[in-house]
Amino acid sequence: MTWVIAVGSIKASGGATSTALMLAASAATGEHVTLVEADPSGGSLLGWCADLDPSGPGLYEGVFQRDLAGGVQRLGEFDLVAAQGDPWRISAALDRPRGWRQLLDPLDGVVVVDIGRLFPGSPAAQIAGVADVVVLVAPPEPGPLAATLEWVARRGQFAATDAQIDAGRVRILTVDVAAERRLRIDPGRLARDELGPVYAGHIPFDDGALDLLCRGASIGHRSLRRSRLVLGVHGLLARLQVGVTV
């Protein structure tokens, strides 16, 4: 059985790729996991993760050969389909499929897809439409949160002709994307008073933890066990109903 988690954002506030990476590493403690980088603005993981082969297989080959497993590289304890090349090449690959679920299902287990920023006409919107859960990341600030909530209220539609997304499958996650936190809304208040059940929680900034994961460390690495970022993602997985050993 395949469980697809799409991770993106509505405003270009960052955090989608790092959140997807953390989710994949955390879920890999008890599941077969594949992380698919499908951000139309361009791939980041080949630059972040020195052990990945930039000339190796990836999203472009996997999509055009109708076999994403053929684009897999290994990072730590999970498989990774990285987006290679410039944004035009990546967008060309994302525009091609007419059945994303048929491409993702053969990967089996948990499939985490980084879909980047959703915008009108984004080719990655197709992936959000077929995901079991859509996780939208935003800083805990009024502007980005309001834009994200508006998108959920419109059921993922930027225009009336866009396909609708089941709002019950959407969860909002607030994230810190810099060491200097600029919290304007307390995450605890968001959970209690503002967002209700659509709110999945808050992930703090931890550049050291992300650096270790980019170098292939497992989530059980002794330097990661007490990371607030890692603990937060474990809790998120539980709320997304993904089996994981905490």
C-alpha atoms as a PDB file:
ATOM      1  CA  MET A   1       0.000   0.000   0.000  1.00  0.00           C
ATOM      2  CA  THR A   2       1.238   3.485  -0.850  1.00  0.00           C
ATOM      3  CA  TRP A   3       0.587   6.516   1.355  1.00  0.00           C
ATOM      4  CA  VAL A   4       1.370   9.802  -0.419  1.00  0.00           C
ATOM      5  CA  ILE A   5       2.174  12.940   1.576  1.00  0.00           C
ATOM      6  CA  ALA A   6       2.532  16.110  -0.517  1.00  0.00           C
ATOM      7  CA  VAL A   7       4.454  18.954   1.169  1.00  0.00           C
ATOM      8  CA  GLY A   8       4.195  22.484  -0.174  1.00  0.00           C
ATOM      9  CA  SER A   9       3.420  26.092   0.619  1.00  0.00           C
ATOM     10  CA  ILE A  10       1.172  28.834  -0.679  1.00  0.00           C
ATOM     11  CA  LYS A  11       3.496  31.780  -0.205  1.00  0.00           C
ATOM     12  CA  ALA A  12       7.207  31.527  -0.978  1.00  0.00           C
ATOM     13  CA  SER A  13       8.248  31.409   2.655  1.00  0.00           C
ATOM     14  CA  GLY A  14      10.507  28.359   2.469  1.00  0.00           C
ATOM     15  CA  GLY A  15      10.499  25.237   4.577  1.00  0.00           C
ATOM     16  CA  ALA A  16       8.785  22.762   2.224  1.00  0.00           C
ATOM     17  CA  THR A  17      11.920  20.903   1.150  1.00  0.00           C
ATOM     18  CA  SER A  18      13.412  20.697   4.643  1.00  0.00           C
ATOM     19  CA  THR A  19      10.063  19.536   6.055  1.00  0.00           C
ATOM     20  CA  ALA A  20       9.746  16.878   3.355  1.00  0.00           C
ATOM     21  CA  LEU A  21      13.290  15.712   4.103  1.00  0.00           C
ATOM     22  CA  MET A  22      12.539  15.468   7.822  1.00  0.00           C
ATOM     23  CA  LEU A  23       9.284  13.599   7.219  1.00  0.00           C
ATOM     24  CA  ALA A  24      11.016  11.072   4.970  1.00  0.00           C
ATOM     25  CA  ALA A  25      13.830  10.456   7.443  1.00  0.00           C
ATOM     26  CA  SER A  26      11.425  10.089  10.371  1.00  0.00           C
ATOM     27  CA  ALA A  27       9.015   7.757   8.564  1.00  0.00           C
ATOM     28  CA  ALA A  28      11.947   5.566   7.471  1.00  0.00           C
ATOM     29  CA  THR A  29      12.304   4.209  11.012  1.00  0.00           C
ATOM     30  CA  GLY A  30       9.431   1.822  10.379  1.00  0.00           C
ATOM     31  CA  GLU A  31       8.424   2.061   6.712  1.00  0.00           C
ATOM     32  CA  HIS A  32       9.810   1.849   3.207  1.00  0.00           C
ATOM     33  CA  VAL A  33      10.045   5.534   2.268  1.00  0.00           C
ATOM     34  CA  THR A  34      10.686   7.409  -0.952  1.00  0.00           C
ATOM     35  CA  LEU A  35      11.184  11.171  -1.093  1.00  0.00           C
ATOM     36  CA  VAL A  36      10.300  12.676  -4.485  1.00  0.00           C
ATOM     37  CA  GLU A  37      11.527  16.206  -5.177  1.00  0.00           C
ATOM     38  CA  ALA A  38       8.930  17.769  -7.484  1.00  0.00           C
ATOM     39  CA  ASP A  39       9.349  21.501  -6.905  1.00  0.00           C
ATOM     40  CA  PRO A  40       8.830  23.379 -10.204  1.00  0.00           C
ATOM     41  CA  SER A  41      11.158  26.184  -9.110  1.00  0.00           C
ATOM     42  CA  GLY A  42      14.136  23.835  -9.134  1.00  0.00           C
ATOM     43  CA  GLY A  43      15.686  21.094  -7.057  1.00  0.00           C
ATOM     44  CA  SER A  44      17.616  21.817  -3.864  1.00  0.00           C
ATOM     45  CA  LEU A  45      18.653  18.419  -2.560  1.00  0.00           C
ATOM     46  CA  LEU A  46      21.450  17.802  -5.073  1.00  0.00           C
ATOM     47  CA  GLY A  47      23.067  20.977  -3.755  1.00  0.00           C
ATOM     48  CA  TRP A  48      22.380  20.205  -0.102  1.00  0.00           C
ATOM     49  CA  CYS A  49      23.451  16.532  -0.078  1.00  0.00           C
ATOM     50  CA  ALA A  50      27.027  15.971  -1.170  1.00  0.00           C
ATOM     51  CA  ASP A  51      26.662  12.170  -1.366  1.00  0.00           C
ATOM     52  CA  LEU A  52      24.070  12.387  -4.153  1.00  0.00           C
ATOM     53  CA  ASP A  53      25.259  12.021  -7.746  1.00  0.00           C
ATOM     54  CA  PRO A  54      24.175  15.091  -9.780  1.00  0.00           C
ATOM     55  CA  SER A  55      24.677  13.113 -13.005  1.00  0.00           C
ATOM     56  CA  GLY A  56      22.709  10.139 -11.686  1.00  0.00           C
ATOM     57  CA  PRO A  57      19.060   9.255 -12.279  1.00  0.00           C
ATOM     58  CA  GLY A  58      16.271  11.456 -11.011  1.00  0.00           C
ATOM     59  CA  LEU A  59      12.858  12.975 -11.628  1.00  0.00           C
ATOM     60  CA  TYR A  60      13.316  13.708 -15.329  1.00  0.00           C
ATOM     61  CA  GLU A  61      14.256  10.148 -16.268  1.00  0.00           C
ATOM     62  CA  GLY A  62      11.704   8.621 -13.904  1.00  0.00           C
ATOM     63  CA  VAL A  63       8.815  10.616 -15.356  1.00  0.00           C
ATOM     64  CA  PHE A  64       9.690  10.198 -19.025  1.00  0.00           C
ATOM     65  CA  GLN A  65      10.309   6.463 -18.593  1.00  0.00           C
ATOM     66  CA  ARG A  66       7.068   6.138 -16.591  1.00  0.00           C
ATOM     67  CA  ASP A  67       9.062   4.498 -13.791  1.00  0.00           C
ATOM     68  CA  LEU A  68       9.991   6.706 -10.839  1.00  0.00           C
ATOM     69  CA  ALA A  69      11.816   3.789  -9.227  1.00  0.00           C
ATOM     70  CA  GLY A  70      14.283   4.058 -12.107  1.00  0.00           C
ATOM     71  CA  GLY A  71      15.208   7.555 -10.877  1.00  0.00           C
ATOM     72  CA  VAL A  72      15.978   6.523  -7.302  1.00  0.00           C
ATOM     73  CA  GLN A  73      19.165   7.269  -5.407  1.00  0.00           C
ATOM     74  CA  ARG A  74      19.757   6.351  -1.766  1.00  0.00           C
ATOM     75  CA  LEU A  75      20.134   8.893   1.057  1.00  0.00           C
ATOM     76  CA  GLY A  76      20.548   7.457   4.534  1.00  0.00           C
ATOM     77  CA  GLU A  77      17.661   5.066   5.205  1.00  0.00           C
ATOM     78  CA  PHE A  78      15.281   6.175   2.451  1.00  0.00           C
ATOM     79  CA  ASP A  79      15.091   6.347  -1.333  1.00  0.00           C
ATOM     80  CA  LEU A  80      15.222   9.693  -3.097  1.00  0.00           C
ATOM     81  CA  VAL A  81      14.129  10.848  -6.530  1.00  0.00           C
ATOM     82  CA  ALA A  82      15.949  14.163  -6.919  1.00  0.00           C
ATOM     83  CA  ALA A  83      15.044  16.954  -9.328  1.00  0.00           C
ATOM     84  CA  GLN A  84      17.993  17.653 -11.583  1.00  0.00           C
ATOM     85  CA  GLY A  85      18.707  20.517 -13.935  1.00  0.00           C
ATOM     86  CA  ASP A  86      17.159  23.940 -14.371  1.00  0.00           C
ATOM     87  CA  PRO A  87      13.548  24.857 -13.522  1.00  0.00           C
ATOM     88  CA  TRP A  88      12.505  24.602 -17.192  1.00  0.00           C
ATOM     89  CA  ARG A  89      13.648  20.960 -17.368  1.00  0.00           C
ATOM     90  CA  ILE A  90      11.936  20.155 -14.062  1.00  0.00           C
ATOM     91  CA  SER A  91       8.687  21.851 -15.095  1.00  0.00           C
ATOM     92  CA  ALA A  92       8.755  19.938 -18.395  1.00  0.00           C
ATOM     93  CA  ALA A  93       8.936  16.686 -16.437  1.00  0.00           C
ATOM     94  CA  LEU A  94       6.148  17.719 -14.070  1.00  0.00           C
ATOM     95  CA  ASP A  95       3.877  18.772 -16.937  1.00  0.00           C
ATOM     96  CA  ARG A  96       4.112  15.407 -18.669  1.00  0.00           C
ATOM     97  CA  PRO A  97       2.202  12.912 -16.450  1.00  0.00           C
ATOM     98  CA  ARG A  98      -1.562  12.664 -16.762  1.00  0.00           C
ATOM     99  CA  GLY A  99      -1.804  10.128 -13.954  1.00  0.00           C
ATOM    100  CA  TRP A 100       0.468  10.961 -11.030  1.00  0.00           C
ATOM    101  CA  ARG A 101      -1.053   8.347  -8.779  1.00  0.00           C
ATOM    102  CA  GLN A 102      -0.132   5.634 -11.287  1.00  0.00           C
ATOM    103  CA  LEU A 103       3.469   6.862 -11.136  1.00  0.00           C
ATOM    104  CA  LEU A 104       3.622   7.116  -7.348  1.00  0.00           C
ATOM    105  CA  ASP A 105       1.820   3.926  -6.296  1.00  0.00           C
ATOM    106  CA  PRO A 106       4.513   1.479  -7.517  1.00  0.00           C
ATOM    107  CA  LEU A 107       7.029   3.119  -5.136  1.00  0.00           C
ATOM    108  CA  ASP A 108       5.088   1.471  -2.269  1.00  0.00           C
ATOM    109  CA  GLY A 109       5.213   2.418   1.406  1.00  0.00           C
ATOM    110  CA  VAL A 110       5.334   6.091   2.385  1.00  0.00           C
ATOM    111  CA  VAL A 111       5.971   8.513  -0.481  1.00  0.00           C
ATOM    112  CA  VAL A 112       6.768  12.096   0.524  1.00  0.00           C
ATOM    113  CA  VAL A 113       6.587  14.563  -2.376  1.00  0.00           C
ATOM    114  CA  ASP A 114       8.077  18.052  -2.153  1.00  0.00           C
ATOM    115  CA  ILE A 115       5.787  20.108  -4.415  1.00  0.00           C
ATOM    116  CA  GLY A 116       7.284  23.513  -3.524  1.00  0.00           C
ATOM    117  CA  ARG A 117       5.166  26.658  -3.697  1.00  0.00           C
ATOM    118  CA  LEU A 118       1.711  26.177  -5.171  1.00  0.00           C
ATOM    119  CA  PHE A 119       0.804  28.987  -7.572  1.00  0.00           C
ATOM    120  CA  PRO A 120      -1.762  29.439 -10.363  1.00  0.00           C
ATOM    121  CA  GLY A 121      -0.920  26.953 -13.095  1.00  0.00           C
ATOM    122  CA  SER A 122       1.675  25.065 -11.023  1.00  0.00           C
ATOM    123  CA  PRO A 123       2.272  21.629 -12.572  1.00  0.00           C
ATOM    124  CA  ALA A 124       2.759  20.250  -9.056  1.00  0.00           C
ATOM    125  CA  ALA A 125      -0.895  20.998  -8.230  1.00  0.00           C
ATOM    126  CA  GLN A 126      -1.753  17.689  -9.898  1.00  0.00           C
ATOM    127  CA  ILE A 127       0.232  15.893  -7.192  1.00  0.00           C
ATOM    128  CA  ALA A 128      -1.597  17.696  -4.396  1.00  0.00           C
ATOM    129  CA  GLY A 129      -4.844  16.512  -5.970  1.00  0.00           C
ATOM    130  CA  VAL A 130      -3.931  12.811  -5.700  1.00  0.00           C
ATOM    131  CA  ALA A 131      -2.093  12.865  -2.344  1.00  0.00           C
ATOM    132  CA  ASP A 132      -3.566  11.182   0.725  1.00  0.00           C
ATOM    133  CA  VAL A 133      -2.455  14.160   2.832  1.00  0.00           C
ATOM    134  CA  VAL A 134      -1.380  17.650   1.766  1.00  0.00           C
ATOM    135  CA  VAL A 135       0.871  19.374   4.321  1.00  0.00           C
ATOM    136  CA  LEU A 136       1.110  23.137   3.777  1.00  0.00           C
ATOM    137  CA  VAL A 137       3.993  24.831   5.556  1.00  0.00           C
ATOM    138  CA  ALA A 138       3.946  28.481   6.600  1.00  0.00           C
ATOM    139  CA  PRO A 139       5.743  30.671   9.130  1.00  0.00           C
ATOM    140  CA  PRO A 140       3.580  31.448  12.177  1.00  0.00           C
ATOM    141  CA  GLU A 141       2.809  34.916  10.870  1.00  0.00           C
ATOM    142  CA  PRO A 142      -0.569  36.444   9.932  1.00  0.00           C
ATOM    143  CA  GLY A 143       0.041  37.084   6.211  1.00  0.00           C
ATOM    144  CA  PRO A 144       1.238  33.630   5.100  1.00  0.00           C
ATOM    145  CA  LEU A 145      -1.255  31.884   7.379  1.00  0.00           C
ATOM    146  CA  ALA A 146      -4.158  33.926   5.986  1.00  0.00           C
ATOM    147  CA  ALA A 147      -3.134  33.078   2.413  1.00  0.00           C
ATOM    148  CA  THR A 148      -2.837  29.398   3.311  1.00  0.00           C
ATOM    149  CA  LEU A 149      -6.240  29.315   5.016  1.00  0.00           C
ATOM    150  CA  GLU A 150      -7.815  31.057   2.021  1.00  0.00           C
ATOM    151  CA  TRP A 151      -6.398  28.380  -0.308  1.00  0.00           C
ATOM    152  CA  VAL A 152      -7.817  25.636   1.924  1.00  0.00           C
ATOM    153  CA  ALA A 153     -11.211  27.385   2.045  1.00  0.00           C
ATOM    154  CA  ARG A 154     -11.219  27.500  -1.778  1.00  0.00           C
ATOM    155  CA  ARG A 155     -10.399  23.776  -1.770  1.00  0.00           C
ATOM    156  CA  GLY A 156      -7.156  24.323  -3.634  1.00  0.00           C
ATOM    157  CA  GLN A 157      -8.619  26.382  -6.448  1.00  0.00           C
ATOM    158  CA  PHE A 158      -6.875  29.466  -7.791  1.00  0.00           C
ATOM    159  CA  ALA A 159      -9.480  29.624 -10.576  1.00  0.00           C
ATOM    160  CA  ALA A 160     -12.932  28.130 -11.035  1.00  0.00           C
ATOM    161  CA  THR A 161     -11.580  25.750 -13.680  1.00  0.00           C
ATOM    162  CA  ASP A 162      -9.031  24.181 -11.288  1.00  0.00           C
ATOM    163  CA  ALA A 163      -9.772  20.752  -9.850  1.00  0.00           C
ATOM    164  CA  GLN A 164     -10.897  20.842  -6.228  1.00  0.00           C
ATOM    165  CA  ILE A 165      -8.977  19.226  -3.384  1.00  0.00           C
ATOM    166  CA  ASP A 166     -10.727  17.631  -0.418  1.00  0.00           C
ATOM    167  CA  ALA A 167     -10.080  20.145   2.377  1.00  0.00           C
ATOM    168  CA  GLY A 168     -10.265  17.300   4.892  1.00  0.00           C
ATOM    169  CA  ARG A 169      -6.959  15.983   3.549  1.00  0.00           C
ATOM    170  CA  VAL A 170      -5.115  19.267   4.151  1.00  0.00           C
ATOM    171  CA  ARG A 171      -3.039  20.029   7.249  1.00  0.00           C
ATOM    172  CA  ILE A 172      -1.215  23.269   8.045  1.00  0.00           C
ATOM    173  CA  LEU A 173       2.212  23.111   9.660  1.00  0.00           C
ATOM    174  CA  THR A 174       4.011  26.189  10.955  1.00  0.00           C
ATOM    175  CA  VAL A 175       7.783  26.154  10.590  1.00  0.00           C
ATOM    176  CA  ASP A 176      10.737  28.298  11.536  1.00  0.00           C
ATOM    177  CA  VAL A 177      12.943  28.789   8.490  1.00  0.00           C
ATOM    178  CA  ALA A 178      15.739  30.802  10.142  1.00  0.00           C
ATOM    179  CA  ALA A 179      17.652  30.693  13.381  1.00  0.00           C
ATOM    180  CA  GLU A 180      16.290  34.109  14.335  1.00  0.00           C
ATOM    181  CA  ARG A 181      12.664  33.342  15.029  1.00  0.00           C
ATOM    182  CA  ARG A 182      10.138  36.040  14.179  1.00  0.00           C
ATOM    183  CA  LEU A 183       7.097  34.510  15.821  1.00  0.00           C
ATOM    184  CA  ARG A 184       4.158  36.865  15.726  1.00  0.00           C
ATOM    185  CA  ILE A 185       1.571  34.263  16.695  1.00  0.00           C
ATOM    186  CA  ASP A 186       2.206  31.723  19.418  1.00  0.00           C
ATOM    187  CA  PRO A 187       1.926  28.185  17.935  1.00  0.00           C
ATOM    188  CA  GLY A 188       0.076  27.031  21.043  1.00  0.00           C
ATOM    189  CA  ARG A 189      -2.538  29.705  20.446  1.00  0.00           C
ATOM    190  CA  LEU A 190      -2.862  28.592  16.832  1.00  0.00           C
ATOM    191  CA  ALA A 191      -3.705  25.081  17.975  1.00  0.00           C
ATOM    192  CA  ARG A 192      -6.116  26.189  20.700  1.00  0.00           C
ATOM    193  CA  ASP A 193      -7.900  29.168  19.250  1.00  0.00           C
ATOM    194  CA  GLU A 194      -7.210  29.891  15.609  1.00  0.00           C
ATOM    195  CA  LEU A 195      -6.874  26.896  13.290  1.00  0.00           C
ATOM    196  CA  GLY A 196      -8.398  23.952  15.115  1.00  0.00           C
ATOM    197  CA  PRO A 197      -8.037  20.426  13.662  1.00  0.00           C
ATOM    198  CA  VAL A 198      -6.476  21.602  10.393  1.00  0.00           C
ATOM    199  CA  TYR A 199      -3.377  22.658  12.370  1.00  0.00           C
ATOM    200  CA  ALA A 200      -0.791  19.860  12.510  1.00  0.00           C
ATOM    201  CA  GLY A 201       1.749  21.579  14.767  1.00  0.00           C
ATOM    202  CA  HIS A 202       4.975  23.567  14.744  1.00  0.00           C
ATOM    203  CA  ILE A 203       8.502  22.609  13.669  1.00  0.00           C
ATOM    204  CA  PRO A 204      11.403  24.648  15.150  1.00  0.00           C
ATOM    205  CA  PHE A 205      14.562  25.584  13.286  1.00  0.00           C
ATOM    206  CA  ASP A 206      17.559  23.236  13.630  1.00  0.00           C
ATOM    207  CA  ASP A 207      20.156  23.703  10.922  1.00  0.00           C
ATOM    208  CA  GLY A 208      22.475  21.151  12.552  1.00  0.00           C
ATOM    209  CA  ALA A 209      19.853  18.397  12.349  1.00  0.00           C
ATOM    210  CA  LEU A 210      19.163  19.146   8.681  1.00  0.00           C
ATOM    211  CA  ASP A 211      22.877  19.107   7.914  1.00  0.00           C
ATOM    212  CA  LEU A 212      23.235  15.644   9.453  1.00  0.00           C
ATOM    213  CA  LEU A 213      20.296  14.295   7.458  1.00  0.00           C
ATOM    214  CA  CYS A 214      21.702  15.761   4.247  1.00  0.00           C
ATOM    215  CA  ARG A 215      24.885  13.811   4.997  1.00  0.00           C
ATOM    216  CA  GLY A 216      22.900  10.585   5.225  1.00  0.00           C
ATOM    217  CA  ALA A 217      22.567  10.242   9.009  1.00  0.00           C
ATOM    218  CA  SER A 218      19.639   8.168  10.239  1.00  0.00           C
ATOM    219  CA  ILE A 219      17.006   9.695  12.485  1.00  0.00           C
ATOM    220  CA  GLY A 220      18.396   7.502  15.280  1.00  0.00           C
ATOM    221  CA  HIS A 221      21.776   9.264  15.200  1.00  0.00           C
ATOM    222  CA  ARG A 222      22.724  10.196  18.751  1.00  0.00           C
ATOM    223  CA  SER A 223      22.971  13.882  17.871  1.00  0.00           C
ATOM    224  CA  LEU A 224      19.431  13.822  16.475  1.00  0.00           C
ATOM    225  CA  ARG A 225      17.602  11.931  19.196  1.00  0.00           C
ATOM    226  CA  ARG A 226      16.995  15.012  21.307  1.00  0.00           C
ATOM    227  CA  SER A 227      16.537  17.503  18.494  1.00  0.00           C
ATOM    228  CA  ARG A 228      13.319  19.485  18.967  1.00  0.00           C
ATOM    229  CA  LEU A 229      12.928  19.466  15.203  1.00  0.00           C
ATOM    230  CA  VAL A 230      13.100  15.648  15.065  1.00  0.00           C
ATOM    231  CA  LEU A 231      10.705  15.248  17.991  1.00  0.00           C
ATOM    232  CA  GLY A 232       8.272  17.652  16.334  1.00  0.00           C
ATOM    233  CA  VAL A 233       8.291  15.737  13.051  1.00  0.00           C
ATOM    234  CA  HIS A 234       7.703  12.436  14.867  1.00  0.00           C
ATOM    235  CA  GLY A 235       4.608  13.972  16.425  1.00  0.00           C
ATOM    236  CA  LEU A 236       3.515  15.252  13.026  1.00  0.00           C
ATOM    237  CA  LEU A 237       3.766  11.788  11.498  1.00  0.00           C
ATOM    238  CA  ALA A 238       1.543  10.397  14.204  1.00  0.00           C
ATOM    239  CA  ARG A 239      -1.077  13.064  13.468  1.00  0.00           C
ATOM    240  CA  LEU A 240      -0.895  12.204   9.770  1.00  0.00           C
ATOM    241  CA  GLN A 241      -1.625   8.567  10.631  1.00  0.00           C
ATOM    242  CA  VAL A 242       1.689   7.306   9.316  1.00  0.00           C
ATOM    243  CA  GLY A 243       3.138   4.401  11.269  1.00  0.00           C
ATOM    244  CA  VAL A 244       6.427   5.364  12.906  1.00  0.00           C
ATOM    245  CA  THR A 245       8.336   4.130  15.917  1.00  0.00           C
ATOM    246  CA  VAL A 246       8.966   7.041  18.265  1.00  0.00           C
END
